[in-house]
Amino acid sequence: MGQVTIYLDHEIENKMKNAAKSDHISVSKWVSNIIREKISTEWPEDVVKLAGSWRDDFPTLEEIRSTHATDSPREEL
């Protein structure tokens, strides 16, 4: 397992420690989770579960087109 040394100002360090404490994990684990999240090439599972969940909230293409009048004629170039 690798080790990394970083330098933070006191304000950022305190915020990081408070965030780790509120998540009930070590600062090392908290930083590791942030890095893992930032370099991930896959969508988080909770986002994946959203796919298709709005199916009934949006009109179909046919419904959208039926509400519009005929398009204006275009100029020929």
C-alpha atoms as a PDB file:
ATOM      1  CA  MET A   1       0.000   0.000   0.000  1.00  0.00           C
ATOM      2  CA  GLY A   2       1.398   3.385  -1.000  1.00  0.00           C
ATOM      3  CA  GLN A   3       1.777   6.472   1.124  1.00  0.00           C
ATOM      4  CA  VAL A   4       1.372  10.082   0.044  1.00  0.00           C
ATOM      5  CA  THR A   5       2.354  13.233   1.896  1.00  0.00           C
ATOM      6  CA  ILE A   6       0.299  16.361   1.302  1.00  0.00           C
ATOM      7  CA  TYR A   7       0.441  19.802   2.845  1.00  0.00           C
ATOM      8  CA  LEU A   8      -2.781  21.554   3.817  1.00  0.00           C
ATOM      9  CA  ASP A   9      -3.473  24.871   5.458  1.00  0.00           C
ATOM     10  CA  HIS A  10      -5.036  24.642   8.917  1.00  0.00           C
ATOM     11  CA  GLU A  11      -8.552  25.544   7.755  1.00  0.00           C
ATOM     12  CA  ILE A  12      -8.639  22.779   5.124  1.00  0.00           C
ATOM     13  CA  GLU A  13      -7.082  20.291   7.514  1.00  0.00           C
ATOM     14  CA  ASN A  14      -9.716  21.014  10.165  1.00  0.00           C
ATOM     15  CA  LYS A  15     -12.542  20.699   7.633  1.00  0.00           C
ATOM     16  CA  MET A  16     -11.105  17.403   6.400  1.00  0.00           C
ATOM     17  CA  LYS A  17     -10.816  16.035   9.936  1.00  0.00           C
ATOM     18  CA  ASN A  18     -14.373  17.092  10.740  1.00  0.00           C
ATOM     19  CA  ALA A  19     -15.683  15.473   7.549  1.00  0.00           C
ATOM     20  CA  ALA A  20     -13.871  12.218   8.326  1.00  0.00           C
ATOM     21  CA  LYS A  21     -15.132  12.294  11.904  1.00  0.00           C
ATOM     22  CA  SER A  22     -18.730  12.854  10.791  1.00  0.00           C
ATOM     23  CA  ASP A  23     -18.379   9.850   8.432  1.00  0.00           C
ATOM     24  CA  HIS A  24     -16.942   7.811  11.355  1.00  0.00           C
ATOM     25  CA  ILE A  25     -13.805   6.881   9.422  1.00  0.00           C
ATOM     26  CA  SER A  26     -10.127   7.752   9.608  1.00  0.00           C
ATOM     27  CA  VAL A  27      -8.733  10.725   7.717  1.00  0.00           C
ATOM     28  CA  SER A  28      -6.687   8.305   5.611  1.00  0.00           C
ATOM     29  CA  LYS A  29      -9.780   6.315   4.657  1.00  0.00           C
ATOM     30  CA  TRP A  30     -11.730   9.537   3.958  1.00  0.00           C
ATOM     31  CA  VAL A  31      -9.032  10.849   1.601  1.00  0.00           C
ATOM     32  CA  SER A  32      -8.749   7.438  -0.045  1.00  0.00           C
ATOM     33  CA  ASN A  33     -12.518   7.391  -0.669  1.00  0.00           C
ATOM     34  CA  ILE A  34     -12.408  10.860  -2.236  1.00  0.00           C
ATOM     35  CA  ILE A  35      -9.562   9.851  -4.564  1.00  0.00           C
ATOM     36  CA  ARG A  36     -11.313   6.594  -5.507  1.00  0.00           C
ATOM     37  CA  GLU A  37     -14.483   8.548  -6.300  1.00  0.00           C
ATOM     38  CA  LYS A  38     -12.640  11.119  -8.421  1.00  0.00           C
ATOM     39  CA  ILE A  39     -10.732   8.592 -10.541  1.00  0.00           C
ATOM     40  CA  SER A  40     -13.587   6.161 -11.021  1.00  0.00           C
ATOM     41  CA  THR A  41     -14.599   5.530 -14.624  1.00  0.00           C
ATOM     42  CA  GLU A  42     -17.996   4.111 -13.708  1.00  0.00           C
ATOM     43  CA  TRP A  43     -21.175   5.791 -12.526  1.00  0.00           C
ATOM     44  CA  PRO A  44     -21.969   5.372  -8.820  1.00  0.00           C
ATOM     45  CA  GLU A  45     -24.542   2.624  -8.155  1.00  0.00           C
ATOM     46  CA  ASP A  46     -27.183   5.102  -6.932  1.00  0.00           C
ATOM     47  CA  VAL A  47     -26.903   7.013 -10.223  1.00  0.00           C
ATOM     48  CA  VAL A  48     -27.126   3.796 -12.266  1.00  0.00           C
ATOM     49  CA  LYS A  49     -30.355   2.913 -10.446  1.00  0.00           C
ATOM     50  CA  LEU A  50     -31.893   6.203 -11.638  1.00  0.00           C
ATOM     51  CA  ALA A  51     -31.655   5.167 -15.300  1.00  0.00           C
ATOM     52  CA  GLY A  52     -35.161   4.889 -16.713  1.00  0.00           C
ATOM     53  CA  SER A  53     -36.857   6.022 -13.520  1.00  0.00           C
ATOM     54  CA  TRP A  54     -38.411   9.080 -15.215  1.00  0.00           C
ATOM     55  CA  ARG A  55     -39.990   7.102 -18.025  1.00  0.00           C
ATOM     56  CA  ASP A  56     -43.546   8.361 -17.371  1.00  0.00           C
ATOM     57  CA  ASP A  57     -42.518  11.943 -16.643  1.00  0.00           C
ATOM     58  CA  PHE A  58     -41.481  12.882 -20.173  1.00  0.00           C
ATOM     59  CA  PRO A  59     -43.648  12.996 -23.273  1.00  0.00           C
ATOM     60  CA  THR A  60     -42.831  10.785 -26.240  1.00  0.00           C
ATOM     61  CA  LEU A  61     -41.421  12.297 -29.405  1.00  0.00           C
ATOM     62  CA  GLU A  62     -44.792  11.860 -31.086  1.00  0.00           C
ATOM     63  CA  GLU A  63     -46.522  13.743 -28.251  1.00  0.00           C
ATOM     64  CA  ILE A  64     -44.047  16.609 -28.524  1.00  0.00           C
ATOM     65  CA  ARG A  65     -44.434  16.850 -32.291  1.00  0.00           C
ATOM     66  CA  SER A  66     -48.247  16.763 -32.104  1.00  0.00           C
ATOM     67  CA  THR A  67     -48.347  19.967 -30.052  1.00  0.00           C
ATOM     68  CA  HIS A  68     -46.450  22.091 -32.580  1.00  0.00           C
ATOM     69  CA  ALA A  69     -47.733  23.720 -35.717  1.00  0.00           C
ATOM     70  CA  THR A  70     -46.235  23.113 -39.121  1.00  0.00           C
ATOM     71  CA  ASP A  71     -42.702  24.369 -39.412  1.00  0.00           C
ATOM     72  CA  SER A  72     -42.037  27.545 -41.392  1.00  0.00           C
ATOM     73  CA  PRO A  73     -40.684  27.151 -44.898  1.00  0.00           C
ATOM     74  CA  ARG A  74     -36.893  27.399 -45.110  1.00  0.00           C
ATOM     75  CA  GLU A  75     -34.929  29.623 -47.416  1.00  0.00           C
ATOM     76  CA  GLU A  76     -33.021  27.870 -50.142  1.00  0.00           C
ATOM     77  CA  LEU A  77     -29.379  28.749 -50.381  1.00  0.00           C
END
